């Protein structure tokens, strides 16, 4: 088993690896999430990932506003 200085060095090395892995992983998830939000509500500027969610949002949040033409043929 590792003792003393060797143990401390091993712990520091593993902590550094874990921090680098965590840092790199977070940025990828954020950029992927932003790329997935492709539909924007013209009334409130909220972004949605797909047309079905967009239509459900529009029907519930803006019932008095006219439906955008790109949502006319979407099934909710």
PDB file of N, CA and C in Angstrom:
ATOM      1  N   UNK A   1       0.830  -1.191   0.000  1.00  0.00           N
ATOM      2  CA  UNK A   1       0.000   0.000   0.000  1.00  0.00           C
ATOM      3  C   UNK A   1       0.867   1.244   0.000  1.00  0.00           C
ATOM      4  N   UNK A   2       0.328   2.291  -0.563  1.00  0.00           N
ATOM      5  CA  UNK A   2       1.042   3.561  -0.586  1.00  0.00           C
ATOM      6  C   UNK A   2       0.894   4.258   0.758  1.00  0.00           C
ATOM      7  N   UNK A   3       2.014   4.815   1.219  1.00  0.00           N
ATOM      8  CA  UNK A   3       1.993   5.508   2.504  1.00  0.00           C
ATOM      9  C   UNK A   3       2.679   6.852   2.378  1.00  0.00           C
ATOM     10  N   UNK A   4       2.321   7.731   3.262  1.00  0.00           N
ATOM     11  CA  UNK A   4       3.025   9.008   3.383  1.00  0.00           C
ATOM     12  C   UNK A   4       2.963   9.855   2.125  1.00  0.00           C
ATOM     13  N   UNK A   5       4.141  10.268   1.634  1.00  0.00           N
ATOM     14  CA  UNK A   5       4.253  11.195   0.505  1.00  0.00           C
ATOM     15  C   UNK A   5       3.621  10.624  -0.765  1.00  0.00           C
ATOM     16  N   UNK A   6       3.820   9.357  -1.018  1.00  0.00           N
ATOM     17  CA  UNK A   6       3.262   8.731  -2.214  1.00  0.00           C
ATOM     18  C   UNK A   6       1.736   8.788  -2.210  1.00  0.00           C
ATOM     19  N   UNK A   7       1.138   8.586  -1.059  1.00  0.00           N
ATOM     20  CA  UNK A   7      -0.318   8.634  -0.926  1.00  0.00           C
ATOM     21  C   UNK A   7      -0.832  10.043  -1.205  1.00  0.00           C
ATOM     22  N   UNK A   8      -0.171  11.040  -0.667  1.00  0.00           N
ATOM     23  CA  UNK A   8      -0.579  12.438  -0.864  1.00  0.00           C
ATOM     24  C   UNK A   8      -0.481  12.811  -2.345  1.00  0.00           C
ATOM     25  N   UNK A   9       0.638  12.414  -2.988  1.00  0.00           N
ATOM     26  CA  UNK A   9       0.812  12.718  -4.408  1.00  0.00           C
ATOM     27  C   UNK A   9      -0.274  12.050  -5.249  1.00  0.00           C
ATOM     28  N   UNK A  10      -0.603  10.831  -4.918  1.00  0.00           N
ATOM     29  CA  UNK A  10      -1.637  10.112  -5.654  1.00  0.00           C
ATOM     30  C   UNK A  10      -3.003  10.785  -5.503  1.00  0.00           C
ATOM     31  N   UNK A  11      -3.327  11.220  -4.298  1.00  0.00           N
ATOM     32  CA  UNK A  11      -4.599  11.915  -4.067  1.00  0.00           C
ATOM     33  C   UNK A  11      -4.667  13.221  -4.842  1.00  0.00           C
ATOM     34  N   UNK A  12      -3.571  13.975  -4.863  1.00  0.00           N
ATOM     35  CA  UNK A  12      -3.544  15.249  -5.588  1.00  0.00           C
ATOM     36  C   UNK A  12      -3.699  15.016  -7.087  1.00  0.00           C
ATOM     37  N   UNK A  13      -3.018  13.986  -7.592  1.00  0.00           N
ATOM     38  CA  UNK A  13      -3.102  13.661  -9.015  1.00  0.00           C
ATOM     39  C   UNK A  13      -4.530  13.277  -9.403  1.00  0.00           C
ATOM     40  N   UNK A  14      -5.157  12.445  -8.585  1.00  0.00           N
ATOM     41  CA  UNK A  14      -6.534  12.025  -8.861  1.00  0.00           C
ATOM     42  C   UNK A  14      -7.514  13.185  -8.763  1.00  0.00           C
ATOM     43  N   UNK A  15      -7.311  14.086  -7.808  1.00  0.00           N
ATOM     44  CA  UNK A  15      -8.183  15.252  -7.671  1.00  0.00           C
ATOM     45  C   UNK A  15      -8.056  16.154  -8.892  1.00  0.00           C
ATOM     46  N   UNK A  16      -6.834  16.312  -9.392  1.00  0.00           N
ATOM     47  CA  UNK A  16      -6.604  17.150 -10.575  1.00  0.00           C
ATOM     48  C   UNK A  16      -7.288  16.545 -11.807  1.00  0.00           C
ATOM     49  N   UNK A  17      -7.179  15.230 -11.970  1.00  0.00           N
ATOM     50  CA  UNK A  17      -7.839  14.553 -13.095  1.00  0.00           C
ATOM     51  C   UNK A  17      -9.353  14.717 -13.027  1.00  0.00           C
ATOM     52  N   UNK A  18      -9.910  14.543 -11.831  1.00  0.00           N
ATOM     53  CA  UNK A  18     -11.360  14.661 -11.653  1.00  0.00           C
ATOM     54  C   UNK A  18     -11.837  16.075 -11.960  1.00  0.00           C
ATOM     55  N   UNK A  19     -11.069  17.079 -11.534  1.00  0.00           N
ATOM     56  CA  UNK A  19     -11.441  18.475 -11.785  1.00  0.00           C
ATOM     57  C   UNK A  19     -11.404  18.784 -13.276  1.00  0.00           C
ATOM     58  N   UNK A  20     -10.405  18.291 -13.985  1.00  0.00           N
ATOM     59  CA  UNK A  20     -10.318  18.526 -15.430  1.00  0.00           C
ATOM     60  C   UNK A  20     -11.472  17.842 -16.160  1.00  0.00           C
ATOM     61  N   UNK A  21     -11.798  16.645 -15.743  1.00  0.00           N
ATOM     62  CA  UNK A  21     -12.897  15.910 -16.372  1.00  0.00           C
ATOM     63  C   UNK A  21     -14.222  16.631 -16.147  1.00  0.00           C
ATOM     64  N   UNK A  22     -14.442  17.091 -14.925  1.00  0.00           N
ATOM     65  CA  UNK A  22     -15.680  17.788 -14.594  1.00  0.00           C
ATOM     66  C   UNK A  22     -15.776  19.102 -15.349  1.00  0.00           C
ATOM     67  N   UNK A  23     -14.689  19.829 -15.450  1.00  0.00           N
ATOM     68  CA  UNK A  23     -14.680  21.127 -16.128  1.00  0.00           C
ATOM     69  C   UNK A  23     -14.990  20.961 -17.609  1.00  0.00           C
ATOM     70  N   UNK A  24     -14.377  20.011 -18.253  1.00  0.00           N
ATOM     71  CA  UNK A  24     -14.602  19.780 -19.673  1.00  0.00           C
ATOM     72  C   UNK A  24     -15.995  19.280 -19.971  1.00  0.00           C
ATOM     73  N   UNK A  25     -16.541  18.496 -19.091  1.00  0.00           N
ATOM     74  CA  UNK A  25     -17.857  17.908 -19.299  1.00  0.00           C
ATOM     75  C   UNK A  25     -18.962  18.961 -19.196  1.00  0.00           C
ATOM     76  N   UNK A  26     -18.859  19.891 -18.271  1.00  0.00           N
ATOM     77  CA  UNK A  26     -19.888  20.902 -18.070  1.00  0.00           C
ATOM     78  C   UNK A  26     -20.075  21.802 -19.278  1.00  0.00           C
ATOM     79  N   UNK A  27     -19.010  22.200 -19.906  1.00  0.00           N
ATOM     80  CA  UNK A  27     -19.085  23.086 -21.060  1.00  0.00           C
ATOM     81  C   UNK A  27     -19.773  22.393 -22.224  1.00  0.00           C
ATOM     82  N   UNK A  28     -19.512  21.106 -22.410  1.00  0.00           N
ATOM     83  CA  UNK A  28     -20.138  20.380 -23.504  1.00  0.00           C
ATOM     84  C   UNK A  28     -21.648  20.293 -23.322  1.00  0.00           C
ATOM     85  N   UNK A  29     -22.092  20.070 -22.115  1.00  0.00           N
ATOM     86  CA  UNK A  29     -23.524  19.966 -21.855  1.00  0.00           C
ATOM     87  C   UNK A  29     -24.214  21.310 -22.075  1.00  0.00           C
ATOM     88  N   UNK A  30     -23.570  22.385 -21.670  1.00  0.00           N
ATOM     89  CA  UNK A  30     -24.181  23.713 -21.852  1.00  0.00           C
ATOM     90  C   UNK A  30     -24.313  24.059 -23.329  1.00  0.00           C
ATOM     91  N   UNK A  31     -23.280  23.811 -24.106  1.00  0.00           N
ATOM     92  CA  UNK A  31     -23.354  24.130 -25.526  1.00  0.00           C
ATOM     93  C   UNK A  31     -24.360  23.241 -26.231  1.00  0.00           C
ATOM     94  N   UNK A  32     -24.453  21.980 -25.829  1.00  0.00           N
ATOM     95  CA  UNK A  32     -25.429  21.076 -26.431  1.00  0.00           C
ATOM     96  C   UNK A  32     -26.850  21.516 -26.097  1.00  0.00           C
ATOM     97  N   UNK A  33     -27.072  21.959 -24.876  1.00  0.00           N
ATOM     98  CA  UNK A  33     -28.399  22.423 -24.472  1.00  0.00           C
ATOM     99  C   UNK A  33     -28.792  23.676 -25.242  1.00  0.00           C
ATOM    100  N   UNK A  34     -27.850  24.598 -25.431  1.00  0.00           N
ATOM    101  CA  UNK A  34     -28.146  25.810 -26.193  1.00  0.00           C
ATOM    102  C   UNK A  34     -28.443  25.491 -27.647  1.00  0.00           C
ATOM    103  N   UNK A  35     -27.720  24.551 -28.211  1.00  0.00           N
ATOM    104  CA  UNK A  35     -27.929  24.183 -29.608  1.00  0.00           C
ATOM    105  C   UNK A  35     -29.286  23.523 -29.814  1.00  0.00           C
ATOM    106  N   UNK A  36     -29.796  22.854 -28.784  1.00  0.00           N
ATOM    107  CA  UNK A  36     -31.084  22.159 -28.895  1.00  0.00           C
ATOM    108  C   UNK A  36     -32.260  23.123 -28.866  1.00  0.00           C
ATOM    109  N   UNK A  37     -32.091  24.316 -28.322  1.00  0.00           N
ATOM    110  CA  UNK A  37     -33.190  25.281 -28.231  1.00  0.00           C
ATOM    111  C   UNK A  37     -33.263  26.081 -29.528  1.00  0.00           C
ATOM    112  N   UNK A  38     -34.008  25.564 -30.492  1.00  0.00           N
ATOM    113  CA  UNK A  38     -34.026  26.166 -31.817  1.00  0.00           C
ATOM    114  C   UNK A  38     -35.277  26.987 -32.109  1.00  0.00           C
ATOM    115  N   UNK A  39     -36.357  26.778 -31.394  1.00  0.00           N
ATOM    116  CA  UNK A  39     -37.602  27.518 -31.641  1.00  0.00           C
ATOM    117  C   UNK A  39     -37.753  28.622 -30.600  1.00  0.00           C
ATOM    118  N   UNK A  40     -38.055  29.835 -31.061  1.00  0.00           N
ATOM    119  CA  UNK A  40     -38.207  30.975 -30.163  1.00  0.00           C
ATOM    120  C   UNK A  40     -39.617  31.536 -30.282  1.00  0.00           C
ATOM    121  N   UNK A  41     -40.253  31.732 -29.152  1.00  0.00           N
ATOM    122  CA  UNK A  41     -41.597  32.295 -29.118  1.00  0.00           C
ATOM    123  C   UNK A  41     -41.521  33.771 -29.509  1.00  0.00           C
ATOM    124  N   UNK A  42     -42.323  34.203 -30.484  1.00  0.00           N
ATOM    125  CA  UNK A  42     -42.271  35.604 -30.905  1.00  0.00           C
ATOM    126  C   UNK A  42     -42.862  36.578 -29.881  1.00  0.00           C
ATOM    127  N   UNK A  43     -43.669  36.080 -28.947  1.00  0.00           N
ATOM    128  CA  UNK A  43     -44.306  36.952 -27.961  1.00  0.00           C
ATOM    129  C   UNK A  43     -43.391  37.195 -26.767  1.00  0.00           C
ATOM    130  N   UNK A  44     -42.895  36.116 -26.150  1.00  0.00           N
ATOM    131  CA  UNK A  44     -42.112  36.257 -24.917  1.00  0.00           C
ATOM    132  C   UNK A  44     -40.633  35.907 -25.084  1.00  0.00           C
ATOM    133  N   UNK A  45     -40.223  35.517 -26.272  1.00  0.00           N
ATOM    134  CA  UNK A  45     -38.826  35.182 -26.585  1.00  0.00           C
ATOM    135  C   UNK A  45     -38.282  33.981 -25.804  1.00  0.00           C
ATOM    136  N   UNK A  46     -39.155  33.102 -25.339  1.00  0.00           N
ATOM    137  CA  UNK A  46     -38.727  31.882 -24.671  1.00  0.00           C
ATOM    138  C   UNK A  46     -38.290  30.882 -25.741  1.00  0.00           C
ATOM    139  N   UNK A  47     -37.218  30.144 -25.466  1.00  0.00           N
ATOM    140  CA  UNK A  47     -36.719  29.180 -26.428  1.00  0.00           C
ATOM    141  C   UNK A  47     -37.178  27.773 -26.059  1.00  0.00           C
ATOM    142  N   UNK A  48     -37.553  26.998 -27.089  1.00  0.00           N
ATOM    143  CA  UNK A  48     -38.029  25.639 -26.899  1.00  0.00           C
ATOM    144  C   UNK A  48     -37.296  24.681 -27.829  1.00  0.00           C
ATOM    145  N   UNK A  49     -37.179  23.410 -27.442  1.00  0.00           N
ATOM    146  CA  UNK A  49     -36.398  22.464 -28.238  1.00  0.00           C
ATOM    147  C   UNK A  49     -37.102  21.908 -29.473  1.00  0.00           C
ATOM    148  N   UNK A  50     -38.433  21.785 -29.437  1.00  0.00           N
ATOM    149  CA  UNK A  50     -39.120  21.185 -30.574  1.00  0.00           C
ATOM    150  C   UNK A  50     -40.458  21.876 -30.834  1.00  0.00           C
ATOM    151  N   UNK A  51     -41.023  21.686 -32.029  1.00  0.00           N
ATOM    152  CA  UNK A  51     -42.270  22.371 -32.382  1.00  0.00           C
ATOM    153  C   UNK A  51     -43.468  21.966 -31.528  1.00  0.00           C
ATOM    154  N   UNK A  52     -43.501  20.714 -31.072  1.00  0.00           N
ATOM    155  CA  UNK A  52     -44.626  20.263 -30.248  1.00  0.00           C
ATOM    156  C   UNK A  52     -44.658  21.035 -28.925  1.00  0.00           C
ATOM    157  N   UNK A  53     -43.523  21.165 -28.283  1.00  0.00           N
ATOM    158  CA  UNK A  53     -43.433  21.928 -27.031  1.00  0.00           C
ATOM    159  C   UNK A  53     -43.751  23.399 -27.296  1.00  0.00           C
ATOM    160  N   UNK A  54     -43.273  23.897 -28.416  1.00  0.00           N
ATOM    161  CA  UNK A  54     -43.518  25.291 -28.789  1.00  0.00           C
ATOM    162  C   UNK A  54     -45.021  25.543 -28.921  1.00  0.00           C
ATOM    163  N   UNK A  55     -45.727  24.639 -29.593  1.00  0.00           N
ATOM    164  CA  UNK A  55     -47.170  24.820 -29.773  1.00  0.00           C
ATOM    165  C   UNK A  55     -47.906  24.740 -28.438  1.00  0.00           C
ATOM    166  N   UNK A  56     -47.531  23.779 -27.588  1.00  0.00           N
ATOM    167  CA  UNK A  56     -48.161  23.666 -26.272  1.00  0.00           C
ATOM    168  C   UNK A  56     -47.925  24.936 -25.456  1.00  0.00           C
ATOM    169  N   UNK A  57     -46.716  25.460 -25.512  1.00  0.00           N
ATOM    170  CA  UNK A  57     -46.396  26.700 -24.805  1.00  0.00           C
ATOM    171  C   UNK A  57     -47.265  27.838 -25.320  1.00  0.00           C
ATOM    172  N   UNK A  58     -47.338  27.952 -26.645  1.00  0.00           N
ATOM    173  CA  UNK A  58     -48.076  29.065 -27.241  1.00  0.00           C
ATOM    174  C   UNK A  58     -49.559  28.999 -26.896  1.00  0.00           C
ATOM    175  N   UNK A  59     -50.138  27.793 -26.925  1.00  0.00           N
ATOM    176  CA  UNK A  59     -51.564  27.650 -26.624  1.00  0.00           C
ATOM    177  C   UNK A  59     -51.872  27.954 -25.163  1.00  0.00           C
ATOM    178  N   UNK A  60     -50.960  27.606 -24.264  1.00  0.00           N
ATOM    179  CA  UNK A  60     -51.241  27.822 -22.842  1.00  0.00           C
ATOM    180  C   UNK A  60     -50.858  29.225 -22.367  1.00  0.00           C
ATOM    181  N   UNK A  61     -49.791  29.788 -22.893  1.00  0.00           N
ATOM    182  CA  UNK A  61     -49.309  31.085 -22.396  1.00  0.00           C
ATOM    183  C   UNK A  61     -49.855  32.278 -23.173  1.00  0.00           C
ATOM    184  N   UNK A  62     -50.175  32.076 -24.451  1.00  0.00           N
ATOM    185  CA  UNK A  62     -50.635  33.193 -25.292  1.00  0.00           C
ATOM    186  C   UNK A  62     -51.904  32.816 -26.051  1.00  0.00           C
ATOM    187  N   UNK A  63     -52.987  32.503 -25.341  1.00  0.00           N
ATOM    188  CA  UNK A  63     -54.193  32.031 -26.042  1.00  0.00           C
ATOM    189  C   UNK A  63     -54.861  33.095 -26.909  1.00  0.00           C
ATOM    190  N   UNK A  64     -54.688  34.369 -26.585  1.00  0.00           N
ATOM    191  CA  UNK A  64     -55.338  35.431 -27.352  1.00  0.00           C
ATOM    192  C   UNK A  64     -54.527  35.868 -28.559  1.00  0.00           C
ATOM    193  N   UNK A  65     -53.261  35.539 -28.602  1.00  0.00           N
ATOM    194  CA  UNK A  65     -52.403  35.916 -29.727  1.00  0.00           C
ATOM    195  C   UNK A  65     -52.638  34.967 -30.899  1.00  0.00           C
ATOM    196  N   UNK A  66     -52.502  35.480 -32.127  1.00  0.00           N
ATOM    197  CA  UNK A  66     -52.667  34.589 -33.282  1.00  0.00           C
ATOM    198  C   UNK A  66     -51.524  33.577 -33.367  1.00  0.00           C
ATOM    199  N   UNK A  67     -51.870  32.370 -33.791  1.00  0.00           N
ATOM    200  CA  UNK A  67     -50.886  31.285 -33.890  1.00  0.00           C
ATOM    201  C   UNK A  67     -49.901  31.584 -35.022  1.00  0.00           C
ATOM    202  N   UNK A  68     -48.605  31.453 -34.773  1.00  0.00           N
ATOM    203  CA  UNK A  68     -47.618  31.644 -35.854  1.00  0.00           C
ATOM    204  C   UNK A  68     -47.828  30.611 -36.965  1.00  0.00           C
ATOM    205  N   UNK A  69     -47.547  30.968 -38.214  1.00  0.00           N
ATOM    206  CA  UNK A  69     -47.810  30.044 -39.332  1.00  0.00           C
ATOM    207  C   UNK A  69     -46.998  28.739 -39.259  1.00  0.00           C
ATOM    208  N   UNK A  70     -45.800  28.769 -38.651  1.00  0.00           N
ATOM    209  CA  UNK A  70     -45.009  27.542 -38.582  1.00  0.00           C
ATOM    210  C   UNK A  70     -45.594  26.514 -37.613  1.00  0.00           C
ATOM    211  N   UNK A  71     -46.572  26.926 -36.766  1.00  0.00           N
ATOM    212  CA  UNK A  71     -47.197  26.009 -35.826  1.00  0.00           C
ATOM    213  C   UNK A  71     -48.551  25.491 -36.299  1.00  0.00           C
ATOM    214  N   UNK A  72     -49.019  25.951 -37.427  1.00  0.00           N
ATOM    215  CA  UNK A  72     -50.352  25.592 -37.888  1.00  0.00           C
ATOM    216  C   UNK A  72     -50.504  24.087 -38.137  1.00  0.00           C
ATOM    217  N   UNK A  73     -49.479  23.445 -38.669  1.00  0.00           N
ATOM    218  CA  UNK A  73     -49.602  22.026 -39.027  1.00  0.00           C
ATOM    219  C   UNK A  73     -48.989  21.081 -37.985  1.00  0.00           C
ATOM    220  N   UNK A  74     -48.533  21.601 -36.851  1.00  0.00           N
ATOM    221  CA  UNK A  74     -47.931  20.767 -35.808  1.00  0.00           C
ATOM    222  C   UNK A  74     -49.024  20.148 -34.941  1.00  0.00           C
ATOM    223  N   UNK A  75     -48.896  18.847 -34.686  1.00  0.00           N
ATOM    224  CA  UNK A  75     -49.845  18.160 -33.813  1.00  0.00           C
ATOM    225  C   UNK A  75     -49.317  18.191 -32.383  1.00  0.00           C
ATOM    226  N   UNK A  76     -50.158  18.687 -31.471  1.00  0.00           N
ATOM    227  CA  UNK A  76     -49.717  18.783 -30.069  1.00  0.00           C
ATOM    228  C   UNK A  76     -50.205  17.621 -29.257  1.00  0.00           C
TER     229      UNK A  76
END
